[in-house]
Amino acid sequence: GLTAYRQGTALASNSFITWLGEDRYKPLANFILHYIADLDIPV
């Protein structure tokens, strides 16, 4: 519902990065990528 339409007309939207901020997002993204890099899964 962050992107929303009512009968073809766009409604108010919002943004994850505006809410969280770049300074807080980067440590989260870095941690996720390191975690996945260390995962031992088949593919």
PDB file of all heavy atoms in Angstrom:
ATOM      1  N   GLY A   1       0.791  -1.223   0.000  1.00  0.00           N
ATOM      2  CA  GLY A   1       0.000   0.000   0.000  1.00  0.00           C
ATOM      3  C   GLY A   1       0.822   1.271   0.000  1.00  0.00           C
ATOM      4  O   GLY A   1       0.263   2.367  -0.029  1.00  0.00           O
ATOM      5  N   LEU A   2       2.158   1.148   0.020  1.00  0.00           N
ATOM      6  CA  LEU A   2       3.009   2.338  -0.084  1.00  0.00           C
ATOM      7  C   LEU A   2       2.842   2.982  -1.452  1.00  0.00           C
ATOM      8  O   LEU A   2       3.013   4.191  -1.600  1.00  0.00           O
ATOM      9  CB  LEU A   2       4.478   1.979   0.161  1.00  0.00           C
ATOM     10  CG  LEU A   2       4.981   2.031   1.604  1.00  0.00           C
ATOM     11  CD1 LEU A   2       4.947   3.438   2.142  1.00  0.00           C
ATOM     12  CD2 LEU A   2       4.194   1.120   2.529  1.00  0.00           C
ATOM     13  N   THR A   3       2.546   2.179  -2.459  1.00  0.00           N
ATOM     14  CA  THR A   3       2.112   2.673  -3.763  1.00  0.00           C
ATOM     15  C   THR A   3       0.660   2.251  -3.919  1.00  0.00           C
ATOM     16  O   THR A   3       0.348   1.056  -3.845  1.00  0.00           O
ATOM     17  CB  THR A   3       2.962   2.084  -4.903  1.00  0.00           C
ATOM     18  OG1 THR A   3       4.332   2.464  -4.699  1.00  0.00           O
ATOM     19  CG2 THR A   3       2.499   2.569  -6.251  1.00  0.00           C
ATOM     20  N   ALA A   4      -0.236   3.213  -4.096  1.00  0.00           N
ATOM     21  CA  ALA A   4      -1.665   2.917  -4.040  1.00  0.00           C
ATOM     22  C   ALA A   4      -2.430   3.643  -5.137  1.00  0.00           C
ATOM     23  O   ALA A   4      -2.120   4.789  -5.477  1.00  0.00           O
ATOM     24  CB  ALA A   4      -2.218   3.304  -2.666  1.00  0.00           C
ATOM     25  N   TYR A   5      -3.436   2.953  -5.687  1.00  0.00           N
ATOM     26  CA  TYR A   5      -4.325   3.531  -6.695  1.00  0.00           C
ATOM     27  C   TYR A   5      -5.769   3.237  -6.331  1.00  0.00           C
ATOM     28  O   TYR A   5      -6.099   2.127  -5.905  1.00  0.00           O
ATOM     29  CB  TYR A   5      -4.037   2.944  -8.082  1.00  0.00           C
ATOM     30  CG  TYR A   5      -2.758   3.426  -8.704  1.00  0.00           C
ATOM     31  CD1 TYR A   5      -1.546   2.815  -8.401  1.00  0.00           C
ATOM     32  CD2 TYR A   5      -2.748   4.492  -9.599  1.00  0.00           C
ATOM     33  CE1 TYR A   5      -0.356   3.255  -8.964  1.00  0.00           C
ATOM     34  CE2 TYR A   5      -1.566   4.946 -10.170  1.00  0.00           C
ATOM     35  CZ  TYR A   5      -0.378   4.318  -9.854  1.00  0.00           C
ATOM     36  OH  TYR A   5       0.794   4.757 -10.410  1.00  0.00           O
ATOM     37  N   ARG A   6      -6.626   4.216  -6.518  1.00  0.00           N
ATOM     38  CA  ARG A   6      -8.072   4.058  -6.377  1.00  0.00           C
ATOM     39  C   ARG A   6      -8.699   4.385  -7.723  1.00  0.00           C
ATOM     40  O   ARG A   6      -8.626   5.519  -8.193  1.00  0.00           O
ATOM     41  CB  ARG A   6      -8.612   4.990  -5.294  1.00  0.00           C
ATOM     42  CG  ARG A   6     -10.143   4.953  -5.142  1.00  0.00           C
ATOM     43  CD  ARG A   6     -10.617   6.099  -4.270  1.00  0.00           C
ATOM     44  NE  ARG A   6     -12.062   6.208  -4.290  1.00  0.00           N
ATOM     45  CZ  ARG A   6     -12.865   5.867  -3.267  1.00  0.00           C
ATOM     46  NH1 ARG A   6     -12.358   5.417  -2.154  1.00  0.00           N
ATOM     47  NH2 ARG A   6     -14.171   6.009  -3.375  1.00  0.00           N
ATOM     48  N   GLN A   7      -9.253   3.382  -8.366  1.00  0.00           N
ATOM     49  CA  GLN A   7      -9.896   3.522  -9.676  1.00  0.00           C
ATOM     50  C   GLN A   7      -9.014   4.320 -10.651  1.00  0.00           C
ATOM     51  O   GLN A   7      -9.453   5.252 -11.308  1.00  0.00           O
ATOM     52  CB  GLN A   7     -11.278   4.148  -9.530  1.00  0.00           C
ATOM     53  CG  GLN A   7     -12.238   3.221  -8.757  1.00  0.00           C
ATOM     54  CD  GLN A   7     -13.683   3.503  -9.027  1.00  0.00           C
ATOM     55  OE1 GLN A   7     -14.151   4.612  -8.814  1.00  0.00           O
ATOM     56  NE2 GLN A   7     -14.420   2.498  -9.482  1.00  0.00           N
ATOM     57  N   GLY A   8      -7.751   3.912 -10.699  1.00  0.00           N
ATOM     58  CA  GLY A   8      -6.817   4.477 -11.663  1.00  0.00           C
ATOM     59  C   GLY A   8      -6.105   5.732 -11.227  1.00  0.00           C
ATOM     60  O   GLY A   8      -5.200   6.214 -11.916  1.00  0.00           O
ATOM     61  N   THR A   9      -6.484   6.303 -10.084  1.00  0.00           N
ATOM     62  CA  THR A   9      -5.872   7.539  -9.598  1.00  0.00           C
ATOM     63  C   THR A   9      -4.893   7.238  -8.467  1.00  0.00           C
ATOM     64  O   THR A   9      -5.239   6.536  -7.512  1.00  0.00           O
ATOM     65  CB  THR A   9      -6.953   8.513  -9.083  1.00  0.00           C
ATOM     66  OG1 THR A   9      -7.861   8.805 -10.150  1.00  0.00           O
ATOM     67  CG2 THR A   9      -6.337   9.806  -8.581  1.00  0.00           C
ATOM     68  N   ALA A  10      -3.681   7.764  -8.587  1.00  0.00           N
ATOM     69  CA  ALA A  10      -2.655   7.509  -7.570  1.00  0.00           C
ATOM     70  C   ALA A  10      -3.026   8.186  -6.255  1.00  0.00           C
ATOM     71  O   ALA A  10      -3.506   9.320  -6.230  1.00  0.00           O
ATOM     72  CB  ALA A  10      -1.309   8.013  -8.061  1.00  0.00           C
ATOM     73  N   LEU A  11      -2.779   7.473  -5.146  1.00  0.00           N
ATOM     74  CA  LEU A  11      -2.984   8.002  -3.800  1.00  0.00           C
ATOM     75  C   LEU A  11      -1.631   8.351  -3.189  1.00  0.00           C
ATOM     76  O   LEU A  11      -0.588   8.103  -3.779  1.00  0.00           O
ATOM     77  CB  LEU A  11      -3.724   6.960  -2.942  1.00  0.00           C
ATOM     78  CG  LEU A  11      -5.085   6.499  -3.485  1.00  0.00           C
ATOM     79  CD1 LEU A  11      -5.649   5.373  -2.620  1.00  0.00           C
ATOM     80  CD2 LEU A  11      -6.064   7.661  -3.557  1.00  0.00           C
ATOM     81  N   ALA A  12      -1.640   8.908  -1.985  1.00  0.00           N
ATOM     82  CA  ALA A  12      -0.399   9.342  -1.327  1.00  0.00           C
ATOM     83  C   ALA A  12       0.570   8.177  -1.150  1.00  0.00           C
ATOM     84  O   ALA A  12       0.163   7.048  -0.867  1.00  0.00           O
ATOM     85  CB  ALA A  12      -0.726   9.962   0.024  1.00  0.00           C
ATOM     86  N   SER A  13       1.864   8.453  -1.314  1.00  0.00           N
ATOM     87  CA  SER A  13       2.900   7.432  -1.206  1.00  0.00           C
ATOM     88  C   SER A  13       3.847   7.751  -0.051  1.00  0.00           C
ATOM     89  O   SER A  13       3.731   8.795   0.588  1.00  0.00           O
ATOM     90  CB  SER A  13       3.687   7.338  -2.520  1.00  0.00           C
ATOM     91  OG  SER A  13       4.603   6.276  -2.485  1.00  0.00           O
ATOM     92  N   ASN A  14       4.780   6.838   0.211  1.00  0.00           N
ATOM     93  CA  ASN A  14       5.790   7.047   1.243  1.00  0.00           C
ATOM     94  C   ASN A  14       7.063   6.310   0.832  1.00  0.00           C
ATOM     95  O   ASN A  14       7.054   5.542  -0.118  1.00  0.00           O
ATOM     96  CB  ASN A  14       5.287   6.565   2.607  1.00  0.00           C
ATOM     97  CG  ASN A  14       5.845   7.390   3.746  1.00  0.00           C
ATOM     98  OD1 ASN A  14       6.932   7.926   3.663  1.00  0.00           O
ATOM     99  ND2 ASN A  14       5.090   7.495   4.836  1.00  0.00           N
ATOM    100  N   SER A  15       8.167   6.526   1.570  1.00  0.00           N
ATOM    101  CA  SER A  15       9.463   5.981   1.160  1.00  0.00           C
ATOM    102  C   SER A  15      10.206   5.381   2.341  1.00  0.00           C
ATOM    103  O   SER A  15      10.365   6.031   3.383  1.00  0.00           O
ATOM    104  CB  SER A  15      10.306   7.085   0.523  1.00  0.00           C
ATOM    105  OG  SER A  15      11.658   6.727   0.472  1.00  0.00           O
ATOM    106  N   PHE A  16      10.708   4.169   2.160  1.00  0.00           N
ATOM    107  CA  PHE A  16      11.497   3.467   3.169  1.00  0.00           C
ATOM    108  C   PHE A  16      12.788   4.211   3.493  1.00  0.00           C
ATOM    109  O   PHE A  16      13.127   4.416   4.660  1.00  0.00           O
ATOM    110  CB  PHE A  16      11.811   2.051   2.660  1.00  0.00           C
ATOM    111  CG  PHE A  16      12.740   1.253   3.524  1.00  0.00           C
ATOM    112  CD1 PHE A  16      12.285   0.622   4.671  1.00  0.00           C
ATOM    113  CD2 PHE A  16      14.081   1.111   3.190  1.00  0.00           C
ATOM    114  CE1 PHE A  16      13.136  -0.127   5.474  1.00  0.00           C
ATOM    115  CE2 PHE A  16      14.948   0.354   3.975  1.00  0.00           C
ATOM    116  CZ  PHE A  16      14.474  -0.256   5.122  1.00  0.00           C
ATOM    117  N   ILE A  17      13.500   4.645   2.463  1.00  0.00           N
ATOM    118  CA  ILE A  17      14.815   5.252   2.686  1.00  0.00           C
ATOM    119  C   ILE A  17      14.678   6.625   3.349  1.00  0.00           C
ATOM    120  O   ILE A  17      15.507   7.016   4.174  1.00  0.00           O
ATOM    121  CB  ILE A  17      15.646   5.347   1.378  1.00  0.00           C
ATOM    122  CG1 ILE A  17      17.119   5.629   1.688  1.00  0.00           C
ATOM    123  CG2 ILE A  17      15.073   6.354   0.423  1.00  0.00           C
ATOM    124  CD1 ILE A  17      17.819   4.527   2.460  1.00  0.00           C
ATOM    125  N   THR A  18      13.623   7.361   3.034  1.00  0.00           N
ATOM    126  CA  THR A  18      13.377   8.644   3.702  1.00  0.00           C
ATOM    127  C   THR A  18      13.128   8.423   5.182  1.00  0.00           C
ATOM    128  O   THR A  18      13.613   9.168   6.042  1.00  0.00           O
ATOM    129  CB  THR A  18      12.177   9.364   3.058  1.00  0.00           C
ATOM    130  OG1 THR A  18      12.471   9.608   1.680  1.00  0.00           O
ATOM    131  CG2 THR A  18      11.883  10.690   3.739  1.00  0.00           C
ATOM    132  N   TRP A  19      12.364   7.376   5.483  1.00  0.00           N
ATOM    133  CA  TRP A  19      12.021   7.071   6.876  1.00  0.00           C
ATOM    134  C   TRP A  19      13.254   6.601   7.656  1.00  0.00           C
ATOM    135  O   TRP A  19      13.486   7.037   8.782  1.00  0.00           O
ATOM    136  CB  TRP A  19      10.935   5.998   6.900  1.00  0.00           C
ATOM    137  CG  TRP A  19      10.491   5.594   8.268  1.00  0.00           C
ATOM    138  CD1 TRP A  19       9.489   6.160   9.011  1.00  0.00           C
ATOM    139  CD2 TRP A  19      11.031   4.534   9.075  1.00  0.00           C
ATOM    140  NE1 TRP A  19       9.366   5.529  10.232  1.00  0.00           N
ATOM    141  CE2 TRP A  19      10.303   4.533  10.295  1.00  0.00           C
ATOM    142  CE3 TRP A  19      12.043   3.603   8.885  1.00  0.00           C
ATOM    143  CZ2 TRP A  19      10.567   3.618  11.320  1.00  0.00           C
ATOM    144  CZ3 TRP A  19      12.316   2.700   9.907  1.00  0.00           C
ATOM    145  CH2 TRP A  19      11.585   2.701  11.106  1.00  0.00           C
ATOM    146  N   LEU A  20      14.053   5.700   7.072  1.00  0.00           N
ATOM    147  CA  LEU A  20      15.174   5.100   7.799  1.00  0.00           C
ATOM    148  C   LEU A  20      16.423   5.970   7.777  1.00  0.00           C
ATOM    149  O   LEU A  20      17.103   6.107   8.798  1.00  0.00           O
ATOM    150  CB  LEU A  20      15.496   3.721   7.209  1.00  0.00           C
ATOM    151  CG  LEU A  20      16.560   2.899   7.940  1.00  0.00           C
ATOM    152  CD1 LEU A  20      16.106   2.583   9.366  1.00  0.00           C
ATOM    153  CD2 LEU A  20      16.858   1.604   7.179  1.00  0.00           C
ATOM    154  N   GLY A  21      16.726   6.550   6.626  1.00  0.00           N
ATOM    155  CA  GLY A  21      17.940   7.358   6.475  1.00  0.00           C
ATOM    156  C   GLY A  21      19.110   6.527   5.972  1.00  0.00           C
ATOM    157  O   GLY A  21      19.272   5.354   6.332  1.00  0.00           O
ATOM    158  N   GLU A  22      19.934   7.139   5.146  1.00  0.00           N
ATOM    159  CA  GLU A  22      21.060   6.446   4.523  1.00  0.00           C
ATOM    160  C   GLU A  22      22.066   5.946   5.555  1.00  0.00           C
ATOM    161  O   GLU A  22      22.622   4.841   5.429  1.00  0.00           O
ATOM    162  CB  GLU A  22      21.751   7.390   3.532  1.00  0.00           C
ATOM    163  CG  GLU A  22      22.595   6.680   2.492  1.00  0.00           C
ATOM    164  CD  GLU A  22      21.763   5.882   1.504  1.00  0.00           C
ATOM    165  OE1 GLU A  22      20.825   6.443   0.917  1.00  0.00           O
ATOM    166  OE2 GLU A  22      22.057   4.676   1.336  1.00  0.00           O
ATOM    167  N   ASP A  23      22.308   6.727   6.607  1.00  0.00           N
ATOM    168  CA  ASP A  23      23.310   6.361   7.607  1.00  0.00           C
ATOM    169  C   ASP A  23      22.924   5.101   8.377  1.00  0.00           C
ATOM    170  O   ASP A  23      23.799   4.373   8.862  1.00  0.00           O
ATOM    171  CB  ASP A  23      23.530   7.516   8.596  1.00  0.00           C
ATOM    172  CG  ASP A  23      24.277   8.679   7.964  1.00  0.00           C
ATOM    173  OD1 ASP A  23      24.868   8.471   6.886  1.00  0.00           O
ATOM    174  OD2 ASP A  23      24.260   9.783   8.532  1.00  0.00           O
ATOM    175  N   ARG A  24      21.631   4.849   8.511  1.00  0.00           N
ATOM    176  CA  ARG A  24      21.179   3.642   9.203  1.00  0.00           C
ATOM    177  C   ARG A  24      20.984   2.486   8.210  1.00  0.00           C
ATOM    178  O   ARG A  24      21.099   1.326   8.592  1.00  0.00           O
ATOM    179  CB  ARG A  24      19.869   3.906   9.950  1.00  0.00           C
ATOM    180  CG  ARG A  24      19.981   5.018  10.990  1.00  0.00           C
ATOM    181  CD  ARG A  24      18.694   5.177  11.767  1.00  0.00           C
ATOM    182  NE  ARG A  24      18.675   4.330  12.947  1.00  0.00           N
ATOM    183  CZ  ARG A  24      17.569   3.889  13.551  1.00  0.00           C
ATOM    184  NH1 ARG A  24      16.392   4.203  13.053  1.00  0.00           N
ATOM    185  NH2 ARG A  24      17.640   3.135  14.619  1.00  0.00           N
ATOM    186  N   TYR A  25      20.679   2.824   6.962  1.00  0.00           N
ATOM    187  CA  TYR A  25      20.449   1.771   5.971  1.00  0.00           C
ATOM    188  C   TYR A  25      21.737   1.045   5.613  1.00  0.00           C
ATOM    189  O   TYR A  25      21.750  -0.189   5.485  1.00  0.00           O
ATOM    190  CB  TYR A  25      19.808   2.354   4.703  1.00  0.00           C
ATOM    191  CG  TYR A  25      19.700   1.316   3.601  1.00  0.00           C
ATOM    192  CD1 TYR A  25      18.869   0.196   3.746  1.00  0.00           C
ATOM    193  CD2 TYR A  25      20.451   1.426   2.438  1.00  0.00           C
ATOM    194  CE1 TYR A  25      18.787  -0.768   2.755  1.00  0.00           C
ATOM    195  CE2 TYR A  25      20.374   0.462   1.439  1.00  0.00           C
ATOM    196  CZ  TYR A  25      19.537  -0.627   1.603  1.00  0.00           C
ATOM    197  OH  TYR A  25      19.464  -1.587   0.629  1.00  0.00           O
ATOM    198  N   LYS A  26      22.832   1.766   5.461  1.00  0.00           N
ATOM    199  CA  LYS A  26      24.080   1.139   5.001  1.00  0.00           C
ATOM    200  C   LYS A  26      24.572   0.029   5.935  1.00  0.00           C
ATOM    201  O   LYS A  26      24.936  -1.055   5.452  1.00  0.00           O
ATOM    202  CB  LYS A  26      25.157   2.201   4.782  1.00  0.00           C
ATOM    203  CG  LYS A  26      24.985   2.975   3.486  1.00  0.00           C
ATOM    204  CD  LYS A  26      26.167   3.866   3.161  1.00  0.00           C
ATOM    205  CE  LYS A  26      26.226   5.059   4.075  1.00  0.00           C
ATOM    206  NZ  LYS A  26      27.256   6.050   3.665  1.00  0.00           N
ATOM    207  N   PRO A  27      24.590   0.232   7.269  1.00  0.00           N
ATOM    208  CA  PRO A  27      25.001  -0.884   8.139  1.00  0.00           C
ATOM    209  C   PRO A  27      24.081  -2.099   8.022  1.00  0.00           C
ATOM    210  O   PRO A  27      24.549  -3.246   8.084  1.00  0.00           O
ATOM    211  CB  PRO A  27      24.934  -0.285   9.547  1.00  0.00           C
ATOM    212  CG  PRO A  27      25.058   1.181   9.338  1.00  0.00           C
ATOM    213  CD  PRO A  27      24.384   1.472   8.034  1.00  0.00           C
ATOM    214  N   LEU A  28      22.786  -1.862   7.830  1.00  0.00           N
ATOM    215  CA  LEU A  28      21.841  -2.960   7.649  1.00  0.00           C
ATOM    216  C   LEU A  28      22.140  -3.733   6.363  1.00  0.00           C
ATOM    217  O   LEU A  28      22.239  -4.971   6.373  1.00  0.00           O
ATOM    218  CB  LEU A  28      20.412  -2.402   7.612  1.00  0.00           C
ATOM    219  CG  LEU A  28      19.287  -3.397   7.304  1.00  0.00           C
ATOM    220  CD1 LEU A  28      19.151  -4.430   8.422  1.00  0.00           C
ATOM    221  CD2 LEU A  28      17.965  -2.650   7.094  1.00  0.00           C
ATOM    222  N   ALA A  29      22.303  -3.018   5.259  1.00  0.00           N
ATOM    223  CA  ALA A  29      22.598  -3.661   3.973  1.00  0.00           C
ATOM    224  C   ALA A  29      23.931  -4.406   4.028  1.00  0.00           C
ATOM    225  O   ALA A  29      24.044  -5.545   3.535  1.00  0.00           O
ATOM    226  CB  ALA A  29      22.623  -2.610   2.863  1.00  0.00           C
ATOM    227  N   ASN A  30      24.943  -3.802   4.632  1.00  0.00           N
ATOM    228  CA  ASN A  30      26.258  -4.449   4.730  1.00  0.00           C
ATOM    229  C   ASN A  30      26.174  -5.745   5.534  1.00  0.00           C
ATOM    230  O   ASN A  30      26.751  -6.773   5.148  1.00  0.00           O
ATOM    231  CB  ASN A  30      27.269  -3.507   5.388  1.00  0.00           C
ATOM    232  CG  ASN A  30      27.653  -2.343   4.496  1.00  0.00           C
ATOM    233  OD1 ASN A  30      27.412  -2.377   3.283  1.00  0.00           O
ATOM    234  ND2 ASN A  30      28.219  -1.307   5.080  1.00  0.00           N
ATOM    235  N   PHE A  31      25.451  -5.704   6.636  1.00  0.00           N
ATOM    236  CA  PHE A  31      25.313  -6.895   7.478  1.00  0.00           C
ATOM    237  C   PHE A  31      24.603  -8.023   6.718  1.00  0.00           C
ATOM    238  O   PHE A  31      25.031  -9.184   6.768  1.00  0.00           O
ATOM    239  CB  PHE A  31      24.537  -6.554   8.756  1.00  0.00           C
ATOM    240  CG  PHE A  31      24.440  -7.710   9.717  1.00  0.00           C
ATOM    241  CD1 PHE A  31      25.440  -7.941  10.651  1.00  0.00           C
ATOM    242  CD2 PHE A  31      23.361  -8.588   9.667  1.00  0.00           C
ATOM    243  CE1 PHE A  31      25.357  -9.018  11.534  1.00  0.00           C
ATOM    244  CE2 PHE A  31      23.269  -9.670  10.535  1.00  0.00           C
ATOM    245  CZ  PHE A  31      24.269  -9.887  11.471  1.00  0.00           C
ATOM    246  N   ILE A  32      23.538  -7.676   6.009  1.00  0.00           N
ATOM    247  CA  ILE A  32      22.780  -8.677   5.243  1.00  0.00           C
ATOM    248  C   ILE A  32      23.667  -9.342   4.197  1.00  0.00           C
ATOM    249  O   ILE A  32      23.672 -10.571   4.049  1.00  0.00           O
ATOM    250  CB  ILE A  32      21.552  -8.019   4.583  1.00  0.00           C
ATOM    251  CG1 ILE A  32      20.495  -7.694   5.642  1.00  0.00           C
ATOM    252  CG2 ILE A  32      20.954  -8.929   3.497  1.00  0.00           C
ATOM    253  CD1 ILE A  32      19.374  -6.795   5.142  1.00  0.00           C
ATOM    254  N   LEU A  33      24.424  -8.539   3.467  1.00  0.00           N
ATOM    255  CA  LEU A  33      25.271  -9.095   2.401  1.00  0.00           C
ATOM    256  C   LEU A  33      26.392  -9.969   2.969  1.00  0.00           C
ATOM    257  O   LEU A  33      26.717 -11.027   2.401  1.00  0.00           O
ATOM    258  CB  LEU A  33      25.844  -7.963   1.544  1.00  0.00           C
ATOM    259  CG  LEU A  33      24.793  -7.205   0.707  1.00  0.00           C
ATOM    260  CD1 LEU A  33      25.410  -5.975   0.072  1.00  0.00           C
ATOM    261  CD2 LEU A  33      24.190  -8.119  -0.361  1.00  0.00           C
ATOM    262  N   HIS A  34      26.977  -9.562   4.094  1.00  0.00           N
ATOM    263  CA  HIS A  34      27.987 -10.404   4.751  1.00  0.00           C
ATOM    264  C   HIS A  34      27.363 -11.715   5.234  1.00  0.00           C
ATOM    265  O   HIS A  34      27.963 -12.795   5.092  1.00  0.00           O
ATOM    266  CB  HIS A  34      28.611  -9.656   5.934  1.00  0.00           C
ATOM    267  CG  HIS A  34      29.682  -8.696   5.548  1.00  0.00           C
ATOM    268  ND1 HIS A  34      30.900  -9.093   5.035  1.00  0.00           N
ATOM    269  CD2 HIS A  34      29.724  -7.343   5.581  1.00  0.00           C
ATOM    270  CE1 HIS A  34      31.645  -8.039   4.787  1.00  0.00           C
ATOM    271  NE2 HIS A  34      30.951  -6.954   5.100  1.00  0.00           N
ATOM    272  N   TYR A  35      26.187 -11.631   5.795  1.00  0.00           N
ATOM    273  CA  TYR A  35      25.495 -12.825   6.310  1.00  0.00           C
ATOM    274  C   TYR A  35      25.243 -13.816   5.171  1.00  0.00           C
ATOM    275  O   TYR A  35      25.521 -15.021   5.302  1.00  0.00           O
ATOM    276  CB  TYR A  35      24.175 -12.401   6.963  1.00  0.00           C
ATOM    277  CG  TYR A  35      23.424 -13.524   7.650  1.00  0.00           C
ATOM    278  CD1 TYR A  35      23.471 -13.681   9.031  1.00  0.00           C
ATOM    279  CD2 TYR A  35      22.644 -14.425   6.922  1.00  0.00           C
ATOM    280  CE1 TYR A  35      22.776 -14.704   9.674  1.00  0.00           C
ATOM    281  CE2 TYR A  35      21.948 -15.453   7.539  1.00  0.00           C
ATOM    282  CZ  TYR A  35      22.016 -15.585   8.920  1.00  0.00           C
ATOM    283  OH  TYR A  35      21.327 -16.603   9.536  1.00  0.00           O
ATOM    284  N   ILE A  36      24.727 -13.307   4.050  1.00  0.00           N
ATOM    285  CA  ILE A  36      24.431 -14.190   2.912  1.00  0.00           C
ATOM    286  C   ILE A  36      25.716 -14.775   2.334  1.00  0.00           C
ATOM    287  O   ILE A  36      25.762 -15.946   1.950  1.00  0.00           O
ATOM    288  CB  ILE A  36      23.612 -13.435   1.840  1.00  0.00           C
ATOM    289  CG1 ILE A  36      22.212 -13.133   2.376  1.00  0.00           C
ATOM    290  CG2 ILE A  36      23.521 -14.250   0.544  1.00  0.00           C
ATOM    291  CD1 ILE A  36      21.366 -12.247   1.479  1.00  0.00           C
ATOM    292  N   ALA A  37      26.772 -13.969   2.304  1.00  0.00           N
ATOM    293  CA  ALA A  37      28.059 -14.456   1.791  1.00  0.00           C
ATOM    294  C   ALA A  37      28.559 -15.663   2.577  1.00  0.00           C
ATOM    295  O   ALA A  37      29.186 -16.574   2.021  1.00  0.00           O
ATOM    296  CB  ALA A  37      29.099 -13.334   1.841  1.00  0.00           C
ATOM    297  N   ASP A  38      28.254 -15.685   3.863  1.00  0.00           N
ATOM    298  CA  ASP A  38      28.721 -16.774   4.728  1.00  0.00           C
ATOM    299  C   ASP A  38      27.748 -17.955   4.796  1.00  0.00           C
ATOM    300  O   ASP A  38      28.055 -18.967   5.426  1.00  0.00           O
ATOM    301  CB  ASP A  38      28.956 -16.247   6.154  1.00  0.00           C
ATOM    302  CG  ASP A  38      30.132 -15.288   6.213  1.00  0.00           C
ATOM    303  OD1 ASP A  38      31.026 -15.384   5.345  1.00  0.00           O
ATOM    304  OD2 ASP A  38      30.157 -14.428   7.119  1.00  0.00           O
ATOM    305  N   LEU A  39      26.587 -17.827   4.161  1.00  0.00           N
ATOM    306  CA  LEU A  39      25.596 -18.911   4.194  1.00  0.00           C
ATOM    307  C   LEU A  39      26.054 -20.087   3.337  1.00  0.00           C
ATOM    308  O   LEU A  39      26.519 -19.901   2.205  1.00  0.00           O
ATOM    309  CB  LEU A  39      24.252 -18.429   3.646  1.00  0.00           C
ATOM    310  CG  LEU A  39      23.236 -17.810   4.599  1.00  0.00           C
ATOM    311  CD1 LEU A  39      21.980 -17.432   3.808  1.00  0.00           C
ATOM    312  CD2 LEU A  39      22.880 -18.758   5.737  1.00  0.00           C
ATOM    313  N   ASP A  40      25.881 -21.280   3.868  1.00  0.00           N
ATOM    314  CA  ASP A  40      26.168 -22.493   3.096  1.00  0.00           C
ATOM    315  C   ASP A  40      24.839 -23.105   2.671  1.00  0.00           C
ATOM    316  O   ASP A  40      24.219 -23.870   3.398  1.00  0.00           O
ATOM    317  CB  ASP A  40      26.973 -23.488   3.938  1.00  0.00           C
ATOM    318  CG  ASP A  40      27.367 -24.725   3.142  1.00  0.00           C
ATOM    319  OD1 ASP A  40      27.282 -24.673   1.893  1.00  0.00           O
ATOM    320  OD2 ASP A  40      27.740 -25.732   3.765  1.00  0.00           O
ATOM    321  N   ILE A  41      24.368 -22.695   1.484  1.00  0.00           N
ATOM    322  CA  ILE A  41      23.129 -23.240   0.926  1.00  0.00           C
ATOM    323  C   ILE A  41      23.429 -23.796  -0.463  1.00  0.00           C
ATOM    324  O   ILE A  41      24.442 -23.435  -1.072  1.00  0.00           O
ATOM    325  CB  ILE A  41      22.019 -22.169   0.860  1.00  0.00           C
ATOM    326  CG1 ILE A  41      22.488 -20.930   0.087  1.00  0.00           C
ATOM    327  CG2 ILE A  41      21.570 -21.781   2.271  1.00  0.00           C
ATOM    328  CD1 ILE A  41      21.407 -19.857  -0.082  1.00  0.00           C
ATOM    329  N   PRO A  42      22.583 -24.692  -0.987  1.00  0.00           N
ATOM    330  CA  PRO A  42      22.917 -25.391  -2.237  1.00  0.00           C
ATOM    331  C   PRO A  42      23.157 -24.485  -3.433  1.00  0.00           C
ATOM    332  O   PRO A  42      24.020 -24.763  -4.272  1.00  0.00           O
ATOM    333  CB  PRO A  42      21.691 -26.281  -2.470  1.00  0.00           C
ATOM    334  CG  PRO A  42      21.113 -26.506  -1.116  1.00  0.00           C
ATOM    335  CD  PRO A  42      21.351 -25.233  -0.368  1.00  0.00           C
ATOM    336  N   VAL A  43      22.409 -23.384  -3.545  1.00  0.00           N
ATOM    337  CA  VAL A  43      22.491 -22.533  -4.735  1.00  0.00           C
ATOM    338  C   VAL A  43      22.458 -21.067  -4.318  1.00  0.00           C
ATOM    339  O   VAL A  43      21.727 -20.693  -3.397  1.00  0.00           O
ATOM    340  CB  VAL A  43      21.301 -22.836  -5.691  1.00  0.00           C
ATOM    341  CG1 VAL A  43      21.186 -21.764  -6.765  1.00  0.00           C
ATOM    342  CG2 VAL A  43      21.467 -24.202  -6.338  1.00  0.00           C
TER     343      VAL A  43
END
